[in-house]
Amino acid sequence: MTQAHGWTLLFHSCVIDQLRTLNAACDRARRSDPLTAESNANVKLFR
């Protein structure tokens, strides 16, 4: 559960798992090549 702008946002556990997986992929991309990470599809999606 997250609160933003007075709204309570609820996410299904599957969505949370996918966001965590996407975040991990972004972290890997940024660690492996920081200069070109912003062009990585996962990084663009997670922005």
PDB file of N, CA and C in Angstrom:
ATOM      1  N   MET A   1       0.844  -1.169   0.000  1.00  0.00           N
ATOM      2  CA  MET A   1       0.000   0.000   0.000  1.00  0.00           C
ATOM      3  C   MET A   1       0.895   1.240   0.000  1.00  0.00           C
ATOM      4  N   THR A   2       0.560   2.168  -0.866  1.00  0.00           N
ATOM      5  CA  THR A   2       1.313   3.401  -1.000  1.00  0.00           C
ATOM      6  C   THR A   2       0.341   4.570  -1.001  1.00  0.00           C
ATOM      7  N   GLN A   3       0.745   5.671  -0.423  1.00  0.00           N
ATOM      8  CA  GLN A   3      -0.087   6.867  -0.459  1.00  0.00           C
ATOM      9  C   GLN A   3       0.600   7.930  -1.300  1.00  0.00           C
ATOM     10  N   ALA A   4      -0.174   8.540  -2.198  1.00  0.00           N
ATOM     11  CA  ALA A   4       0.348   9.610  -3.041  1.00  0.00           C
ATOM     12  C   ALA A   4      -0.766  10.609  -3.312  1.00  0.00           C
ATOM     13  N   HIS A   5      -0.518  11.865  -3.038  1.00  0.00           N
ATOM     14  CA  HIS A   5      -1.476  12.942  -3.297  1.00  0.00           C
ATOM     15  C   HIS A   5      -2.837  12.659  -2.663  1.00  0.00           C
ATOM     16  N   GLY A   6      -2.829  12.074  -1.488  1.00  0.00           N
ATOM     17  CA  GLY A   6      -4.072  11.794  -0.788  1.00  0.00           C
ATOM     18  C   GLY A   6      -4.773  10.515  -1.224  1.00  0.00           C
ATOM     19  N   TRP A   7      -4.226   9.818  -2.183  1.00  0.00           N
ATOM     20  CA  TRP A   7      -4.804   8.569  -2.668  1.00  0.00           C
ATOM     21  C   TRP A   7      -4.052   7.404  -2.039  1.00  0.00           C
ATOM     22  N   THR A   8      -4.766   6.338  -1.744  1.00  0.00           N
ATOM     23  CA  THR A   8      -4.139   5.103  -1.305  1.00  0.00           C
ATOM     24  C   THR A   8      -4.057   4.180  -2.515  1.00  0.00           C
ATOM     25  N   LEU A   9      -2.848   3.812  -2.888  1.00  0.00           N
ATOM     26  CA  LEU A   9      -2.635   2.967  -4.058  1.00  0.00           C
ATOM     27  C   LEU A   9      -2.372   1.536  -3.606  1.00  0.00           C
ATOM     28  N   LEU A  10      -3.140   0.625  -4.129  1.00  0.00           N
ATOM     29  CA  LEU A  10      -2.997  -0.790  -3.802  1.00  0.00           C
ATOM     30  C   LEU A  10      -2.532  -1.528  -5.052  1.00  0.00           C
ATOM     31  N   PHE A  11      -1.555  -2.401  -4.889  1.00  0.00           N
ATOM     32  CA  PHE A  11      -1.023  -3.161  -6.013  1.00  0.00           C
ATOM     33  C   PHE A  11      -1.106  -4.644  -5.712  1.00  0.00           C
ATOM     34  N   HIS A  12      -1.460  -5.417  -6.713  1.00  0.00           N
ATOM     35  CA  HIS A  12      -1.469  -6.870  -6.588  1.00  0.00           C
ATOM     36  C   HIS A  12      -0.030  -7.342  -6.402  1.00  0.00           C
ATOM     37  N   SER A  13       0.150  -8.400  -5.666  1.00  0.00           N
ATOM     38  CA  SER A  13       1.505  -8.894  -5.381  1.00  0.00           C
ATOM     39  C   SER A  13       2.271  -9.256  -6.658  1.00  0.00           C
ATOM     40  N   CYS A  14       1.576  -9.683  -7.696  1.00  0.00           N
ATOM     41  CA  CYS A  14       2.253 -10.001  -8.962  1.00  0.00           C
ATOM     42  C   CYS A  14       2.833  -8.740  -9.606  1.00  0.00           C
ATOM     43  N   VAL A  15       2.121  -7.634  -9.502  1.00  0.00           N
ATOM     44  CA  VAL A  15       2.615  -6.370 -10.048  1.00  0.00           C
ATOM     45  C   VAL A  15       3.846  -5.921  -9.267  1.00  0.00           C
ATOM     46  N   ILE A  16       3.795  -6.051  -7.961  1.00  0.00           N
ATOM     47  CA  ILE A  16       4.935  -5.676  -7.124  1.00  0.00           C
ATOM     48  C   ILE A  16       6.151  -6.522  -7.482  1.00  0.00           C
ATOM     49  N   ASP A  17       5.946  -7.817  -7.690  1.00  0.00           N
ATOM     50  CA  ASP A  17       7.059  -8.695  -8.078  1.00  0.00           C
ATOM     51  C   ASP A  17       7.660  -8.265  -9.412  1.00  0.00           C
ATOM     52  N   GLN A  18       6.811  -7.912 -10.373  1.00  0.00           N
ATOM     53  CA  GLN A  18       7.307  -7.478 -11.682  1.00  0.00           C
ATOM     54  C   GLN A  18       8.083  -6.171 -11.576  1.00  0.00           C
ATOM     55  N   LEU A  19       7.608  -5.253 -10.740  1.00  0.00           N
ATOM     56  CA  LEU A  19       8.321  -3.987 -10.552  1.00  0.00           C
ATOM     57  C   LEU A  19       9.672  -4.205  -9.885  1.00  0.00           C
ATOM     58  N   ARG A  20       9.731  -5.137  -8.956  1.00  0.00           N
ATOM     59  CA  ARG A  20      11.013  -5.454  -8.309  1.00  0.00           C
ATOM     60  C   ARG A  20      11.984  -6.072  -9.309  1.00  0.00           C
ATOM     61  N   THR A  21      11.476  -6.949 -10.161  1.00  0.00           N
ATOM     62  CA  THR A  21      12.305  -7.569 -11.194  1.00  0.00           C
ATOM     63  C   THR A  21      12.819  -6.515 -12.169  1.00  0.00           C
ATOM     64  N   LEU A  22      11.947  -5.600 -12.557  1.00  0.00           N
ATOM     65  CA  LEU A  22      12.336  -4.521 -13.461  1.00  0.00           C
ATOM     66  C   LEU A  22      13.377  -3.616 -12.815  1.00  0.00           C
ATOM     67  N   ASN A  23      13.210  -3.319 -11.543  1.00  0.00           N
ATOM     68  CA  ASN A  23      14.176  -2.497 -10.816  1.00  0.00           C
ATOM     69  C   ASN A  23      15.540  -3.182 -10.772  1.00  0.00           C
ATOM     70  N   ALA A  24      15.556  -4.481 -10.542  1.00  0.00           N
ATOM     71  CA  ALA A  24      16.819  -5.227 -10.516  1.00  0.00           C
ATOM     72  C   ALA A  24      17.494  -5.194 -11.888  1.00  0.00           C
ATOM     73  N   ALA A  25      16.706  -5.312 -12.956  1.00  0.00           N
ATOM     74  CA  ALA A  25      17.265  -5.255 -14.308  1.00  0.00           C
ATOM     75  C   ALA A  25      17.855  -3.874 -14.588  1.00  0.00           C
ATOM     76  N   CYS A  26      17.201  -2.837 -14.107  1.00  0.00           N
ATOM     77  CA  CYS A  26      17.723  -1.475 -14.273  1.00  0.00           C
ATOM     78  C   CYS A  26      19.033  -1.302 -13.521  1.00  0.00           C
ATOM     79  N   ASP A  27      19.078  -1.817 -12.315  1.00  0.00           N
ATOM     80  CA  ASP A  27      20.313  -1.736 -11.529  1.00  0.00           C
ATOM     81  C   ASP A  27      21.461  -2.447 -12.231  1.00  0.00           C
ATOM     82  N   ARG A  28      21.182  -3.635 -12.788  1.00  0.00           N
ATOM     83  CA  ARG A  28      22.219  -4.378 -13.514  1.00  0.00           C
ATOM     84  C   ARG A  28      22.700  -3.596 -14.731  1.00  0.00           C
ATOM     85  N   ALA A  29      21.767  -3.002 -15.461  1.00  0.00           N
ATOM     86  CA  ALA A  29      22.134  -2.238 -16.659  1.00  0.00           C
ATOM     87  C   ALA A  29      22.989  -1.034 -16.292  1.00  0.00           C
ATOM     88  N   ARG A  30      22.634  -0.362 -15.222  1.00  0.00           N
ATOM     89  CA  ARG A  30      23.396   0.822 -14.799  1.00  0.00           C
ATOM     90  C   ARG A  30      24.785   0.443 -14.297  1.00  0.00           C
ATOM     91  N   ARG A  31      24.894  -0.701 -13.630  1.00  0.00           N
ATOM     92  CA  ARG A  31      26.208  -1.154 -13.147  1.00  0.00           C
ATOM     93  C   ARG A  31      27.092  -1.619 -14.293  1.00  0.00           C
ATOM     94  N   SER A  32      26.508  -2.318 -15.257  1.00  0.00           N
ATOM     95  CA  SER A  32      27.321  -2.892 -16.331  1.00  0.00           C
ATOM     96  C   SER A  32      27.835  -1.830 -17.300  1.00  0.00           C
ATOM     97  N   ASP A  33      27.022  -0.805 -17.571  1.00  0.00           N
ATOM     98  CA  ASP A  33      27.460   0.242 -18.500  1.00  0.00           C
ATOM     99  C   ASP A  33      26.740   1.551 -18.178  1.00  0.00           C
ATOM    100  N   PRO A  34      27.261   2.310 -17.227  1.00  0.00           N
ATOM    101  CA  PRO A  34      26.589   3.538 -16.788  1.00  0.00           C
ATOM    102  C   PRO A  34      26.401   4.584 -17.893  1.00  0.00           C
ATOM    103  N   LEU A  35      27.291   4.589 -18.875  1.00  0.00           N
ATOM    104  CA  LEU A  35      27.215   5.611 -19.917  1.00  0.00           C
ATOM    105  C   LEU A  35      26.048   5.396 -20.875  1.00  0.00           C
ATOM    106  N   THR A  36      25.709   4.148 -21.155  1.00  0.00           N
ATOM    107  CA  THR A  36      24.636   3.876 -22.118  1.00  0.00           C
ATOM    108  C   THR A  36      23.396   3.276 -21.464  1.00  0.00           C
ATOM    109  N   ALA A  37      23.356   3.243 -20.150  1.00  0.00           N
ATOM    110  CA  ALA A  37      22.230   2.611 -19.454  1.00  0.00           C
ATOM    111  C   ALA A  37      20.906   3.301 -19.762  1.00  0.00           C
ATOM    112  N   GLU A  38      20.924   4.597 -19.975  1.00  0.00           N
ATOM    113  CA  GLU A  38      19.671   5.321 -20.222  1.00  0.00           C
ATOM    114  C   GLU A  38      19.003   4.892 -21.529  1.00  0.00           C
ATOM    115  N   SER A  39      19.732   4.253 -22.425  1.00  0.00           N
ATOM    116  CA  SER A  39      19.135   3.774 -23.669  1.00  0.00           C
ATOM    117  C   SER A  39      18.600   2.351 -23.530  1.00  0.00           C
ATOM    118  N   ASN A  40      18.820   1.727 -22.381  1.00  0.00           N
ATOM    119  CA  ASN A  40      18.328   0.379 -22.120  1.00  0.00           C
ATOM    120  C   ASN A  40      16.805   0.408 -21.972  1.00  0.00           C
ATOM    121  N   ALA A  41      16.117  -0.548 -22.584  1.00  0.00           N
ATOM    122  CA  ALA A  41      14.653  -0.575 -22.562  1.00  0.00           C
ATOM    123  C   ALA A  41      14.098  -0.680 -21.143  1.00  0.00           C
ATOM    124  N   ASN A  42      14.735  -1.471 -20.291  1.00  0.00           N
ATOM    125  CA  ASN A  42      14.261  -1.607 -18.915  1.00  0.00           C
ATOM    126  C   ASN A  42      14.390  -0.295 -18.151  1.00  0.00           C
ATOM    127  N   VAL A  43      15.488   0.399 -18.359  1.00  0.00           N
ATOM    128  CA  VAL A  43      15.707   1.678 -17.677  1.00  0.00           C
ATOM    129  C   VAL A  43      14.682   2.703 -18.156  1.00  0.00           C
ATOM    130  N   LYS A  44      14.420   2.731 -19.457  1.00  0.00           N
ATOM    131  CA  LYS A  44      13.422   3.658 -19.996  1.00  0.00           C
ATOM    132  C   LYS A  44      12.042   3.377 -19.410  1.00  0.00           C
ATOM    133  N   LEU A  45      11.694   2.114 -19.305  1.00  0.00           N
ATOM    134  CA  LEU A  45      10.379   1.737 -18.791  1.00  0.00           C
ATOM    135  C   LEU A  45      10.239   2.068 -17.317  1.00  0.00           C
ATOM    136  N   PHE A  46      11.298   1.907 -16.553  1.00  0.00           N
ATOM    137  CA  PHE A  46      11.226   2.091 -15.102  1.00  0.00           C
ATOM    138  C   PHE A  46      11.331   3.554 -14.680  1.00  0.00           C
ATOM    139  N   ARG A  47      11.714   4.432 -15.579  1.00  0.00           N
ATOM    140  CA  ARG A  47      11.868   5.849 -15.240  1.00  0.00           C
ATOM    141  C   ARG A  47      10.669   6.429 -14.584  1.00  0.00           C
TER     142      ARG A  47
END
